[in-house]
Amino acid sequence: MGKERNDKRAEKVDVATLQKERDEARKEHKDLIDQLQRLQAEFENFIKRTDRELSQKLLLANRDLLIKLLVIYDDLHKAAENSGEEGVKLVYQELKNLLTSEGVHPIEALGKPFNPHVHEVLMTVPDNEQAPGTIVEEFQRGYLLHDKVLRCTKVKITKREE
């Protein structure tokens, strides 16, 4: 009978120990799942961040090239306007289509109010007929690359006569 008591006591101890071990294993499992979910979220954020950074780098690389192309584009625009040759007009139109397909769009300026974010004032002219700061002449056209300024428009604006 003493032996049976010891076996039951050992069995109770073993059950209690096993339950404790089970609870610890469950807690460890939950902790590992939490850690895995955090690491997965961090990795997904890393992927998104590196994609954004790569896109920005490509955009900046394109931006530098497009700024250089704008000088040629301006010259072709003048040549196309002042030349009767179809070839010049065709090359100008092709370059215009290429720039548009890359997200380059002209900044509208004439008759618009001055905006320091997209316009650069080179001259002012006294004028009481138009609101002060109205753009009356465009010296060099400005362009946007998507929604960011690629080159400011150089302009002449009105000011009040004194």
C-alpha atoms as a PDB file:
ATOM      1  CA  MET A   1       0.000   0.000   0.000  1.00  0.00           C
ATOM      2  CA  GLY A   2       2.882   2.371   0.665  1.00  0.00           C
ATOM      3  CA  LYS A   3       4.178   1.694  -2.763  1.00  0.00           C
ATOM      4  CA  GLU A   4       0.829   2.645  -4.352  1.00  0.00           C
ATOM      5  CA  ARG A   5       0.825   5.969  -2.472  1.00  0.00           C
ATOM      6  CA  ASN A   6       4.283   6.771  -3.707  1.00  0.00           C
ATOM      7  CA  ASP A   7       3.260   5.897  -7.272  1.00  0.00           C
ATOM      8  CA  LYS A   8       0.166   8.119  -7.033  1.00  0.00           C
ATOM      9  CA  ARG A   9       2.216  10.943  -5.530  1.00  0.00           C
ATOM     10  CA  ALA A  10       4.819  10.534  -8.302  1.00  0.00           C
ATOM     11  CA  GLU A  11       2.007  10.450 -10.863  1.00  0.00           C
ATOM     12  CA  LYS A  12       0.551  13.681  -9.415  1.00  0.00           C
ATOM     13  CA  VAL A  13       3.964  15.288  -9.455  1.00  0.00           C
ATOM     14  CA  ASP A  14       4.509  14.142 -13.018  1.00  0.00           C
ATOM     15  CA  VAL A  15       1.104  15.537 -14.119  1.00  0.00           C
ATOM     16  CA  ALA A  16       1.775  18.858 -12.388  1.00  0.00           C
ATOM     17  CA  THR A  17       5.246  19.010 -13.910  1.00  0.00           C
ATOM     18  CA  LEU A  18       3.875  18.149 -17.332  1.00  0.00           C
ATOM     19  CA  GLN A  19       1.159  20.803 -17.066  1.00  0.00           C
ATOM     20  CA  LYS A  20       3.761  23.366 -16.034  1.00  0.00           C
ATOM     21  CA  GLU A  21       6.004  22.359 -18.937  1.00  0.00           C
ATOM     22  CA  ARG A  22       3.010  22.522 -21.308  1.00  0.00           C
ATOM     23  CA  ASP A  23       2.129  26.025 -20.106  1.00  0.00           C
ATOM     24  CA  GLU A  24       5.743  27.135 -20.517  1.00  0.00           C
ATOM     25  CA  ALA A  25       5.850  25.612 -24.022  1.00  0.00           C
ATOM     26  CA  ARG A  26       2.617  27.415 -24.951  1.00  0.00           C
ATOM     27  CA  LYS A  27       4.016  30.727 -23.685  1.00  0.00           C
ATOM     28  CA  GLU A  28       7.278  30.173 -25.576  1.00  0.00           C
ATOM     29  CA  HIS A  29       5.279  29.264 -28.699  1.00  0.00           C
ATOM     30  CA  LYS A  30       3.197  32.451 -28.376  1.00  0.00           C
ATOM     31  CA  ASP A  31       6.357  34.545 -27.846  1.00  0.00           C
ATOM     32  CA  LEU A  32       7.990  32.994 -30.914  1.00  0.00           C
ATOM     33  CA  ILE A  33       4.864  33.632 -33.028  1.00  0.00           C
ATOM     34  CA  ASP A  34       4.838  37.278 -31.861  1.00  0.00           C
ATOM     35  CA  GLN A  35       8.529  37.620 -32.672  1.00  0.00           C
ATOM     36  CA  LEU A  36       8.011  36.042 -36.096  1.00  0.00           C
ATOM     37  CA  GLN A  37       5.111  38.399 -36.870  1.00  0.00           C
ATOM     38  CA  ARG A  38       7.201  41.439 -35.855  1.00  0.00           C
ATOM     39  CA  LEU A  39      10.110  40.280 -38.017  1.00  0.00           C
ATOM     40  CA  GLN A  40       7.758  39.674 -40.930  1.00  0.00           C
ATOM     41  CA  ALA A  41       6.283  43.185 -40.571  1.00  0.00           C
ATOM     42  CA  GLU A  42       9.775  44.699 -40.317  1.00  0.00           C
ATOM     43  CA  PHE A  43      10.849  42.820 -43.447  1.00  0.00           C
ATOM     44  CA  GLU A  44       7.770  43.974 -45.386  1.00  0.00           C
ATOM     45  CA  ASN A  45       8.474  47.575 -44.302  1.00  0.00           C
ATOM     46  CA  PHE A  46      12.108  47.147 -45.378  1.00  0.00           C
ATOM     47  CA  ILE A  47      11.004  45.946 -48.825  1.00  0.00           C
ATOM     48  CA  LYS A  48       8.589  48.887 -49.206  1.00  0.00           C
ATOM     49  CA  ARG A  49      11.238  51.375 -48.048  1.00  0.00           C
ATOM     50  CA  THR A  50      13.902  50.034 -50.416  1.00  0.00           C
ATOM     51  CA  ASP A  51      11.410  50.085 -53.306  1.00  0.00           C
ATOM     52  CA  ARG A  52      10.615  53.745 -52.536  1.00  0.00           C
ATOM     53  CA  GLU A  53      14.316  54.606 -52.256  1.00  0.00           C
ATOM     54  CA  LEU A  54      15.088  52.885 -55.558  1.00  0.00           C
ATOM     55  CA  SER A  55      12.216  54.687 -57.257  1.00  0.00           C
ATOM     56  CA  GLN A  56      13.496  58.010 -55.891  1.00  0.00           C
ATOM     57  CA  LYS A  57      17.033  57.288 -57.113  1.00  0.00           C
ATOM     58  CA  LEU A  58      15.760  56.393 -60.572  1.00  0.00           C
ATOM     59  CA  LEU A  59      13.611  59.508 -60.619  1.00  0.00           C
ATOM     60  CA  LEU A  60      16.584  61.677 -59.669  1.00  0.00           C
ATOM     61  CA  ALA A  61      18.769  60.033 -62.300  1.00  0.00           C
ATOM     62  CA  ASN A  62      16.070  60.656 -64.911  1.00  0.00           C
ATOM     63  CA  ARG A  63      15.649  64.183 -63.583  1.00  0.00           C
ATOM     64  CA  ASP A  64      19.276  65.117 -64.273  1.00  0.00           C
ATOM     65  CA  LEU A  65      19.082  63.780 -67.816  1.00  0.00           C
ATOM     66  CA  LEU A  66      15.745  65.476 -68.465  1.00  0.00           C
ATOM     67  CA  ILE A  67      17.096  68.844 -67.282  1.00  0.00           C
ATOM     68  CA  LYS A  68      19.900  68.532 -69.841  1.00  0.00           C
ATOM     69  CA  LEU A  69      17.406  67.550 -72.546  1.00  0.00           C
ATOM     70  CA  LEU A  70      15.277  70.627 -71.839  1.00  0.00           C
ATOM     71  CA  VAL A  71      18.013  72.887 -73.238  1.00  0.00           C
ATOM     72  CA  ILE A  72      17.916  70.947 -76.522  1.00  0.00           C
ATOM     73  CA  TYR A  73      14.119  70.897 -76.422  1.00  0.00           C
ATOM     74  CA  ASP A  74      13.975  74.700 -76.046  1.00  0.00           C
ATOM     75  CA  ASP A  75      16.318  75.146 -79.003  1.00  0.00           C
ATOM     76  CA  LEU A  76      14.300  72.729 -81.135  1.00  0.00           C
ATOM     77  CA  HIS A  77      11.107  74.531 -80.141  1.00  0.00           C
ATOM     78  CA  LYS A  78      12.531  77.856 -81.366  1.00  0.00           C
ATOM     79  CA  ALA A  79      13.841  76.232 -84.550  1.00  0.00           C
ATOM     80  CA  ALA A  80      10.476  74.563 -85.225  1.00  0.00           C
ATOM     81  CA  GLU A  81       8.629  77.879 -84.770  1.00  0.00           C
ATOM     82  CA  ASN A  82      11.028  79.859 -86.967  1.00  0.00           C
ATOM     83  CA  SER A  83      11.807  77.235 -89.602  1.00  0.00           C
ATOM     84  CA  GLY A  84       9.631  76.087 -92.413  1.00  0.00           C
ATOM     85  CA  GLU A  85      11.361  72.724 -92.503  1.00  0.00           C
ATOM     86  CA  GLU A  86       9.196  69.709 -91.731  1.00  0.00           C
ATOM     87  CA  GLY A  87      12.159  67.680 -90.432  1.00  0.00           C
ATOM     88  CA  VAL A  88      12.846  70.124 -87.603  1.00  0.00           C
ATOM     89  CA  LYS A  89       9.167  70.183 -86.640  1.00  0.00           C
ATOM     90  CA  LEU A  90       9.029  66.383 -86.714  1.00  0.00           C
ATOM     91  CA  VAL A  91      12.096  65.998 -84.466  1.00  0.00           C
ATOM     92  CA  TYR A  92      10.697  68.646 -82.093  1.00  0.00           C
ATOM     93  CA  GLN A  93       7.335  66.824 -81.917  1.00  0.00           C
ATOM     94  CA  GLU A  94       9.033  63.476 -81.251  1.00  0.00           C
ATOM     95  CA  LEU A  95      11.109  64.953 -78.427  1.00  0.00           C
ATOM     96  CA  LYS A  96       7.992  66.640 -77.021  1.00  0.00           C
ATOM     97  CA  ASN A  97       6.145  63.289 -77.046  1.00  0.00           C
ATOM     98  CA  LEU A  98       9.095  61.571 -75.359  1.00  0.00           C
ATOM     99  CA  LEU A  99       9.247  64.172 -72.584  1.00  0.00           C
ATOM    100  CA  THR A 100       5.491  63.956 -72.066  1.00  0.00           C
ATOM    101  CA  SER A 101       5.648  60.162 -71.846  1.00  0.00           C
ATOM    102  CA  GLU A 102       8.311  60.528 -69.128  1.00  0.00           C
ATOM    103  CA  GLY A 103       6.012  62.791 -67.082  1.00  0.00           C
ATOM    104  CA  VAL A 104       7.461  66.176 -68.120  1.00  0.00           C
ATOM    105  CA  HIS A 105       4.846  68.922 -68.491  1.00  0.00           C
ATOM    106  CA  PRO A 106       5.227  72.673 -69.038  1.00  0.00           C
ATOM    107  CA  ILE A 107       4.353  75.086 -66.251  1.00  0.00           C
ATOM    108  CA  GLU A 108       1.654  77.490 -67.377  1.00  0.00           C
ATOM    109  CA  ALA A 109       2.705  81.036 -66.583  1.00  0.00           C
ATOM    110  CA  LEU A 110       1.352  83.865 -68.795  1.00  0.00           C
ATOM    111  CA  GLY A 111      -1.492  85.718 -67.135  1.00  0.00           C
ATOM    112  CA  LYS A 112      -1.207  83.630 -63.978  1.00  0.00           C
ATOM    113  CA  PRO A 113      -0.296  84.982 -60.529  1.00  0.00           C
ATOM    114  CA  PHE A 114       3.325  84.625 -59.506  1.00  0.00           C
ATOM    115  CA  ASN A 115       4.063  81.445 -57.531  1.00  0.00           C
ATOM    116  CA  PRO A 116       7.545  81.343 -55.953  1.00  0.00           C
ATOM    117  CA  HIS A 117       7.494  77.543 -56.007  1.00  0.00           C
ATOM    118  CA  VAL A 118       7.386  77.332 -59.805  1.00  0.00           C
ATOM    119  CA  HIS A 119       8.363  80.805 -61.062  1.00  0.00           C
ATOM    120  CA  GLU A 120      11.547  82.856 -60.881  1.00  0.00           C
ATOM    121  CA  VAL A 121      11.173  86.626 -61.300  1.00  0.00           C
ATOM    122  CA  LEU A 122      13.784  88.233 -63.537  1.00  0.00           C
ATOM    123  CA  MET A 123      12.029  91.578 -64.051  1.00  0.00           C
ATOM    124  CA  THR A 124       9.093  93.633 -62.852  1.00  0.00           C
ATOM    125  CA  VAL A 125       7.082  96.154 -64.814  1.00  0.00           C
ATOM    126  CA  PRO A 126       4.818  98.890 -63.382  1.00  0.00           C
ATOM    127  CA  ASP A 127       1.172  98.236 -64.258  1.00  0.00           C
ATOM    128  CA  ASN A 128      -2.020  99.393 -62.520  1.00  0.00           C
ATOM    129  CA  GLU A 129      -4.371  97.547 -64.883  1.00  0.00           C
ATOM    130  CA  GLN A 130      -3.417  94.050 -63.748  1.00  0.00           C
ATOM    131  CA  ALA A 131      -3.104  92.670 -60.237  1.00  0.00           C
ATOM    132  CA  PRO A 132       0.389  92.965 -58.793  1.00  0.00           C
ATOM    133  CA  GLY A 133       2.371  89.775 -59.350  1.00  0.00           C
ATOM    134  CA  THR A 134       0.649  88.844 -62.605  1.00  0.00           C
ATOM    135  CA  ILE A 135       3.006  87.216 -65.078  1.00  0.00           C
ATOM    136  CA  VAL A 136       3.176  89.266 -68.280  1.00  0.00           C
ATOM    137  CA  GLU A 137       6.165  87.699 -70.011  1.00  0.00           C
ATOM    138  CA  GLU A 138       7.894  84.343 -69.994  1.00  0.00           C
ATOM    139  CA  PHE A 139      11.647  84.384 -70.680  1.00  0.00           C
ATOM    140  CA  GLN A 140      12.256  80.682 -70.246  1.00  0.00           C
ATOM    141  CA  ARG A 141       9.570  78.042 -69.916  1.00  0.00           C
ATOM    142  CA  GLY A 142       9.560  75.928 -66.770  1.00  0.00           C
ATOM    143  CA  TYR A 143       8.663  72.262 -66.470  1.00  0.00           C
ATOM    144  CA  LEU A 144       7.311  69.800 -63.940  1.00  0.00           C
ATOM    145  CA  LEU A 145       8.398  66.179 -63.677  1.00  0.00           C
ATOM    146  CA  HIS A 146       5.174  64.612 -62.470  1.00  0.00           C
ATOM    147  CA  ASP A 147       4.361  67.033 -59.617  1.00  0.00           C
ATOM    148  CA  LYS A 148       7.891  68.236 -58.844  1.00  0.00           C
ATOM    149  CA  VAL A 149       9.591  71.250 -60.363  1.00  0.00           C
ATOM    150  CA  LEU A 150      12.168  70.252 -62.930  1.00  0.00           C
ATOM    151  CA  ARG A 151      12.982  73.825 -63.921  1.00  0.00           C
ATOM    152  CA  CYS A 152      11.357  77.066 -62.767  1.00  0.00           C
ATOM    153  CA  THR A 153       9.762  79.375 -65.314  1.00  0.00           C
ATOM    154  CA  LYS A 154      11.725  82.621 -65.644  1.00  0.00           C
ATOM    155  CA  VAL A 155       9.217  85.480 -65.820  1.00  0.00           C
ATOM    156  CA  LYS A 156       8.438  89.179 -65.766  1.00  0.00           C
ATOM    157  CA  ILE A 157       5.650  90.220 -63.371  1.00  0.00           C
ATOM    158  CA  THR A 158       3.609  93.353 -62.734  1.00  0.00           C
ATOM    159  CA  LYS A 159       3.924  95.682 -59.771  1.00  0.00           C
ATOM    160  CA  ARG A 160       1.928  98.755 -58.744  1.00  0.00           C
ATOM    161  CA  GLU A 161       3.016 102.045 -60.292  1.00  0.00           C
ATOM    162  CA  GLU A 162       4.300 104.499 -57.754  1.00  0.00           C
END
